[in-house]
């Protein structure tokens, strides 16, 4: 079975079992016996990998494999050099300390789709965009990191996992495609 790249829409639950009030992966992917290799919160969107190969799923999602994941993050406020440096270095979040990460202040990409519903806009509070690359992936880690430096996350889009990226494999929310699993194995 090929590896599946899926662009998870905002508010879609990262599971196949039915939910009374929310869409799930089953509303978009009618492929038997596939499972997510990693998760995204309902209020996060973007790239997911799915497979029916347990060994491949483990290779993608196990923390010891340290697959880099890149997030495009819209934050409230404007980052200064100090907040960017704090995000790049190990950051104590109370229950764990993050590993180093790669963080850049960027412009909103032209290819990014509008979120539905849009984020809340506040006239007196500017927003900024960051890319954050981590190789861990604890629960709500990126949101907790930006909040810890005074830049609350407004929108979070995972744009890359390992060798796969929405920039090179463009998918709109809800779209998916298959790729050769060897692409992952060769590049990891």
C-alpha atoms as a PDB file:
ATOM      1  CA  UNK A   1       0.000   0.000   0.000  1.00  0.00           C
ATOM      2  CA  UNK A   2       1.334   3.435  -0.838  1.00  0.00           C
ATOM      3  CA  UNK A   3       1.877   6.099   1.761  1.00  0.00           C
ATOM      4  CA  UNK A   4      -0.922   8.680   1.852  1.00  0.00           C
ATOM      5  CA  UNK A   5      -0.352  12.409   2.219  1.00  0.00           C
ATOM      6  CA  UNK A   6      -3.452  14.191   3.510  1.00  0.00           C
ATOM      7  CA  UNK A   7      -4.108  17.863   4.183  1.00  0.00           C
ATOM      8  CA  UNK A   8      -6.281  17.767   7.311  1.00  0.00           C
ATOM      9  CA  UNK A   9      -8.793  20.612   7.420  1.00  0.00           C
ATOM     10  CA  UNK A  10      -9.366  22.743  10.503  1.00  0.00           C
ATOM     11  CA  UNK A  11     -11.681  21.137  13.117  1.00  0.00           C
ATOM     12  CA  UNK A  12     -11.439  17.617  11.640  1.00  0.00           C
ATOM     13  CA  UNK A  13     -10.765  14.988  14.305  1.00  0.00           C
ATOM     14  CA  UNK A  14      -7.619  12.945  13.704  1.00  0.00           C
ATOM     15  CA  UNK A  15      -9.400   9.576  13.934  1.00  0.00           C
ATOM     16  CA  UNK A  16     -11.637   7.346  11.843  1.00  0.00           C
ATOM     17  CA  UNK A  17     -14.277   6.523  14.472  1.00  0.00           C
ATOM     18  CA  UNK A  18     -17.435   8.609  14.198  1.00  0.00           C
ATOM     19  CA  UNK A  19     -18.014  11.741  16.254  1.00  0.00           C
ATOM     20  CA  UNK A  20     -21.526  13.136  16.690  1.00  0.00           C
ATOM     21  CA  UNK A  21     -20.617  16.766  16.167  1.00  0.00           C
ATOM     22  CA  UNK A  22     -17.341  16.772  14.208  1.00  0.00           C
ATOM     23  CA  UNK A  23     -15.938  15.518  10.944  1.00  0.00           C
ATOM     24  CA  UNK A  24     -13.275  12.799  11.132  1.00  0.00           C
ATOM     25  CA  UNK A  25     -10.728  11.349   8.733  1.00  0.00           C
ATOM     26  CA  UNK A  26     -13.438   8.925   7.566  1.00  0.00           C
ATOM     27  CA  UNK A  27     -15.296  11.873   6.004  1.00  0.00           C
ATOM     28  CA  UNK A  28     -12.342  12.359   3.631  1.00  0.00           C
ATOM     29  CA  UNK A  29     -10.549   9.027   3.255  1.00  0.00           C
ATOM     30  CA  UNK A  30     -12.472   5.893   2.281  1.00  0.00           C
ATOM     31  CA  UNK A  31      -9.470   3.578   2.258  1.00  0.00           C
ATOM     32  CA  UNK A  32      -9.662   0.434   4.413  1.00  0.00           C
ATOM     33  CA  UNK A  33      -7.170  -0.344   7.167  1.00  0.00           C
ATOM     34  CA  UNK A  34      -5.092   2.835   7.110  1.00  0.00           C
ATOM     35  CA  UNK A  35      -3.986   4.658  10.238  1.00  0.00           C
ATOM     36  CA  UNK A  36      -2.435   8.038  10.940  1.00  0.00           C
ATOM     37  CA  UNK A  37       1.310   8.102  11.549  1.00  0.00           C
ATOM     38  CA  UNK A  38       1.120  10.904  14.105  1.00  0.00           C
ATOM     39  CA  UNK A  39      -1.683  13.232  15.046  1.00  0.00           C
ATOM     40  CA  UNK A  40      -2.843  16.819  14.736  1.00  0.00           C
ATOM     41  CA  UNK A  41      -5.230  18.540  17.138  1.00  0.00           C
ATOM     42  CA  UNK A  42      -8.673  19.374  15.769  1.00  0.00           C
ATOM     43  CA  UNK A  43      -7.804  23.077  15.808  1.00  0.00           C
ATOM     44  CA  UNK A  44      -4.601  22.488  13.821  1.00  0.00           C
ATOM     45  CA  UNK A  45      -4.545  21.858  10.101  1.00  0.00           C
ATOM     46  CA  UNK A  46      -2.162  20.591   7.494  1.00  0.00           C
ATOM     47  CA  UNK A  47      -0.065  17.638   6.456  1.00  0.00           C
ATOM     48  CA  UNK A  48      -0.643  14.158   7.841  1.00  0.00           C
ATOM     49  CA  UNK A  49       0.785  10.820   6.718  1.00  0.00           C
ATOM     50  CA  UNK A  50      -1.324   7.653   6.791  1.00  0.00           C
ATOM     51  CA  UNK A  51      -0.453   4.041   6.025  1.00  0.00           C
ATOM     52  CA  UNK A  52      -1.553   0.453   6.564  1.00  0.00           C
ATOM     53  CA  UNK A  53       2.070  -0.612   7.199  1.00  0.00           C
ATOM     54  CA  UNK A  54       2.668  -0.832  10.963  1.00  0.00           C
ATOM     55  CA  UNK A  55       6.458  -0.780  10.566  1.00  0.00           C
ATOM     56  CA  UNK A  56       6.303   2.346   8.418  1.00  0.00           C
ATOM     57  CA  UNK A  57       3.833   3.987  10.803  1.00  0.00           C
ATOM     58  CA  UNK A  58       6.279   3.343  13.652  1.00  0.00           C
ATOM     59  CA  UNK A  59       9.232   4.702  11.625  1.00  0.00           C
ATOM     60  CA  UNK A  60       7.325   7.932  10.936  1.00  0.00           C
ATOM     61  CA  UNK A  61       5.754   8.611  14.301  1.00  0.00           C
ATOM     62  CA  UNK A  62       8.029   7.137  16.975  1.00  0.00           C
ATOM     63  CA  UNK A  63       9.753   9.910  18.975  1.00  0.00           C
ATOM     64  CA  UNK A  64      13.141   8.150  18.782  1.00  0.00           C
ATOM     65  CA  UNK A  65      13.086   8.471  14.979  1.00  0.00           C
ATOM     66  CA  UNK A  66      12.990  12.278  15.327  1.00  0.00           C
ATOM     67  CA  UNK A  67      11.322  13.029  12.010  1.00  0.00           C
ATOM     68  CA  UNK A  68      11.452  16.786  11.491  1.00  0.00           C
ATOM     69  CA  UNK A  69       8.067  18.451  11.366  1.00  0.00           C
ATOM     70  CA  UNK A  70       7.645  22.024  10.137  1.00  0.00           C
ATOM     71  CA  UNK A  71       4.761  24.223  11.225  1.00  0.00           C
ATOM     72  CA  UNK A  72       3.584  27.528   9.805  1.00  0.00           C
ATOM     73  CA  UNK A  73       2.326  29.482  12.803  1.00  0.00           C
ATOM     74  CA  UNK A  74       0.331  32.694  12.893  1.00  0.00           C
ATOM     75  CA  UNK A  75       0.858  34.360  16.252  1.00  0.00           C
ATOM     76  CA  UNK A  76      -0.620  37.360  17.969  1.00  0.00           C
ATOM     77  CA  UNK A  77       2.038  40.026  18.316  1.00  0.00           C
ATOM     78  CA  UNK A  78       5.378  40.724  16.693  1.00  0.00           C
ATOM     79  CA  UNK A  79       8.344  38.551  17.676  1.00  0.00           C
ATOM     80  CA  UNK A  80      11.525  40.284  18.756  1.00  0.00           C
ATOM     81  CA  UNK A  81      15.036  38.810  18.711  1.00  0.00           C
ATOM     82  CA  UNK A  82      14.688  37.639  22.328  1.00  0.00           C
ATOM     83  CA  UNK A  83      11.421  35.730  21.791  1.00  0.00           C
ATOM     84  CA  UNK A  84      12.793  34.082  18.633  1.00  0.00           C
ATOM     85  CA  UNK A  85      15.963  33.039  20.479  1.00  0.00           C
ATOM     86  CA  UNK A  86      13.924  31.621  23.358  1.00  0.00           C
ATOM     87  CA  UNK A  87      11.866  29.560  20.879  1.00  0.00           C
ATOM     88  CA  UNK A  88      15.049  28.222  19.232  1.00  0.00           C
ATOM     89  CA  UNK A  89      16.615  27.027  22.486  1.00  0.00           C
ATOM     90  CA  UNK A  90      15.352  24.428  24.963  1.00  0.00           C
ATOM     91  CA  UNK A  91      12.255  25.929  26.561  1.00  0.00           C
ATOM     92  CA  UNK A  92      10.865  24.815  29.919  1.00  0.00           C
ATOM     93  CA  UNK A  93       7.129  24.255  29.512  1.00  0.00           C
ATOM     94  CA  UNK A  94       6.615  23.011  33.078  1.00  0.00           C
ATOM     95  CA  UNK A  95       6.083  19.303  32.452  1.00  0.00           C
ATOM     96  CA  UNK A  96       8.972  18.998  29.961  1.00  0.00           C
ATOM     97  CA  UNK A  97      11.781  20.958  28.350  1.00  0.00           C
ATOM     98  CA  UNK A  98      11.735  21.184  24.570  1.00  0.00           C
ATOM     99  CA  UNK A  99      14.666  20.324  22.367  1.00  0.00           C
ATOM    100  CA  UNK A 100      16.275  22.997  20.199  1.00  0.00           C
ATOM    101  CA  UNK A 101      14.166  24.035  17.227  1.00  0.00           C
ATOM    102  CA  UNK A 102      14.581  26.006  14.035  1.00  0.00           C
ATOM    103  CA  UNK A 103      12.483  29.169  14.062  1.00  0.00           C
ATOM    104  CA  UNK A 104      12.154  31.883  11.418  1.00  0.00           C
ATOM    105  CA  UNK A 105      10.004  34.990  11.184  1.00  0.00           C
ATOM    106  CA  UNK A 106       8.397  34.797   7.699  1.00  0.00           C
ATOM    107  CA  UNK A 107       5.771  36.429   5.526  1.00  0.00           C
ATOM    108  CA  UNK A 108       2.446  34.656   5.058  1.00  0.00           C
ATOM    109  CA  UNK A 109       2.966  32.374   2.031  1.00  0.00           C
ATOM    110  CA  UNK A 110       0.963  33.282  -1.061  1.00  0.00           C
ATOM    111  CA  UNK A 111      -0.038  29.620  -1.498  1.00  0.00           C
ATOM    112  CA  UNK A 112      -1.732  29.352   1.912  1.00  0.00           C
ATOM    113  CA  UNK A 113      -5.481  28.790   1.720  1.00  0.00           C
ATOM    114  CA  UNK A 114      -7.882  30.877   3.831  1.00  0.00           C
ATOM    115  CA  UNK A 115      -9.011  29.203   7.033  1.00  0.00           C
ATOM    116  CA  UNK A 116     -12.688  28.438   7.425  1.00  0.00           C
ATOM    117  CA  UNK A 117     -13.785  29.981   9.726  1.00  0.00           C
ATOM    118  CA  UNK A 118     -11.224  32.791   9.655  1.00  0.00           C
ATOM    119  CA  UNK A 119      -9.143  33.557  12.739  1.00  0.00           C
ATOM    120  CA  UNK A 120     -10.394  36.330  14.992  1.00  0.00           C
ATOM    121  CA  UNK A 121      -9.053  39.729  13.987  1.00  0.00           C
ATOM    122  CA  UNK A 122      -8.294  42.381  16.601  1.00  0.00           C
ATOM    123  CA  UNK A 123      -7.462  45.823  15.221  1.00  0.00           C
ATOM    124  CA  UNK A 124      -5.030  46.789  17.981  1.00  0.00           C
ATOM    125  CA  UNK A 125      -3.112  43.493  17.942  1.00  0.00           C
ATOM    126  CA  UNK A 126      -0.853  42.795  14.957  1.00  0.00           C
ATOM    127  CA  UNK A 127      -0.194  39.237  13.880  1.00  0.00           C
ATOM    128  CA  UNK A 128       2.988  37.639  12.560  1.00  0.00           C
ATOM    129  CA  UNK A 129       4.006  34.382  10.906  1.00  0.00           C
ATOM    130  CA  UNK A 130       6.718  31.973  11.999  1.00  0.00           C
ATOM    131  CA  UNK A 131       7.995  28.653  10.759  1.00  0.00           C
ATOM    132  CA  UNK A 132       8.945  26.290  13.565  1.00  0.00           C
ATOM    133  CA  UNK A 133      10.716  22.996  12.923  1.00  0.00           C
ATOM    134  CA  UNK A 134      10.725  20.460  15.732  1.00  0.00           C
ATOM    135  CA  UNK A 135      11.563  16.775  15.860  1.00  0.00           C
ATOM    136  CA  UNK A 136       9.588  15.867  18.972  1.00  0.00           C
ATOM    137  CA  UNK A 137       5.864  16.551  18.929  1.00  0.00           C
ATOM    138  CA  UNK A 138       4.437  16.523  22.427  1.00  0.00           C
ATOM    139  CA  UNK A 139       0.769  17.367  22.896  1.00  0.00           C
ATOM    140  CA  UNK A 140       0.106  20.966  21.798  1.00  0.00           C
ATOM    141  CA  UNK A 141       3.837  21.659  21.926  1.00  0.00           C
ATOM    142  CA  UNK A 142       4.068  24.452  19.349  1.00  0.00           C
ATOM    143  CA  UNK A 143       1.083  26.296  20.853  1.00  0.00           C
ATOM    144  CA  UNK A 144       2.610  25.993  24.304  1.00  0.00           C
ATOM    145  CA  UNK A 145       5.999  27.200  23.047  1.00  0.00           C
ATOM    146  CA  UNK A 146       4.640  30.356  21.437  1.00  0.00           C
ATOM    147  CA  UNK A 147       2.451  31.112  24.460  1.00  0.00           C
ATOM    148  CA  UNK A 148       5.474  30.729  26.773  1.00  0.00           C
ATOM    149  CA  UNK A 149       7.235  33.580  24.949  1.00  0.00           C
ATOM    150  CA  UNK A 150       4.157  35.847  24.848  1.00  0.00           C
ATOM    151  CA  UNK A 151       3.077  35.098  21.277  1.00  0.00           C
ATOM    152  CA  UNK A 152      -0.214  33.152  21.440  1.00  0.00           C
ATOM    153  CA  UNK A 153      -0.881  30.923  18.427  1.00  0.00           C
ATOM    154  CA  UNK A 154      -3.854  31.951  16.304  1.00  0.00           C
ATOM    155  CA  UNK A 155      -3.392  29.470  13.457  1.00  0.00           C
ATOM    156  CA  UNK A 156      -1.219  26.358  13.192  1.00  0.00           C
ATOM    157  CA  UNK A 157      -0.565  24.556   9.903  1.00  0.00           C
ATOM    158  CA  UNK A 158       1.827  21.609   9.634  1.00  0.00           C
ATOM    159  CA  UNK A 159       3.528  22.097   6.278  1.00  0.00           C
ATOM    160  CA  UNK A 160       6.145  19.315   6.279  1.00  0.00           C
ATOM    161  CA  UNK A 161       6.956  15.907   7.786  1.00  0.00           C
ATOM    162  CA  UNK A 162      10.338  14.409   6.972  1.00  0.00           C
ATOM    163  CA  UNK A 163      10.835  14.527   3.187  1.00  0.00           C
ATOM    164  CA  UNK A 164       7.222  15.522   2.407  1.00  0.00           C
ATOM    165  CA  UNK A 165       5.995  19.117   2.268  1.00  0.00           C
ATOM    166  CA  UNK A 166       2.884  20.931   1.088  1.00  0.00           C
ATOM    167  CA  UNK A 167       5.183  23.226  -0.911  1.00  0.00           C
ATOM    168  CA  UNK A 168       6.349  20.288  -3.072  1.00  0.00           C
ATOM    169  CA  UNK A 169       3.183  18.175  -2.805  1.00  0.00           C
ATOM    170  CA  UNK A 170       0.456  20.852  -2.937  1.00  0.00           C
ATOM    171  CA  UNK A 171      -2.861  19.737  -1.471  1.00  0.00           C
ATOM    172  CA  UNK A 172      -5.822  21.853  -0.448  1.00  0.00           C
ATOM    173  CA  UNK A 173      -7.639  21.026   2.805  1.00  0.00           C
ATOM    174  CA  UNK A 174      -9.385  17.665   2.463  1.00  0.00           C
ATOM    175  CA  UNK A 175      -7.270  16.560  -0.509  1.00  0.00           C
ATOM    176  CA  UNK A 176      -4.955  13.564  -0.443  1.00  0.00           C
ATOM    177  CA  UNK A 177      -2.553  11.717  -2.701  1.00  0.00           C
ATOM    178  CA  UNK A 178      -0.494   8.563  -2.602  1.00  0.00           C
ATOM    179  CA  UNK A 179       3.293   8.468  -2.736  1.00  0.00           C
ATOM    180  CA  UNK A 180       5.791   5.640  -2.837  1.00  0.00           C
ATOM    181  CA  UNK A 181       6.727   4.678   0.753  1.00  0.00           C
ATOM    182  CA  UNK A 182      10.301   4.259  -0.462  1.00  0.00           C
ATOM    183  CA  UNK A 183      10.485   8.069  -0.729  1.00  0.00           C
ATOM    184  CA  UNK A 184      10.204   8.181   3.049  1.00  0.00           C
ATOM    185  CA  UNK A 185      12.623   5.321   3.640  1.00  0.00           C
ATOM    186  CA  UNK A 186      15.253   6.812   1.281  1.00  0.00           C
ATOM    187  CA  UNK A 187      15.078  10.221   2.934  1.00  0.00           C
ATOM    188  CA  UNK A 188      14.864   9.299   6.610  1.00  0.00           C
END
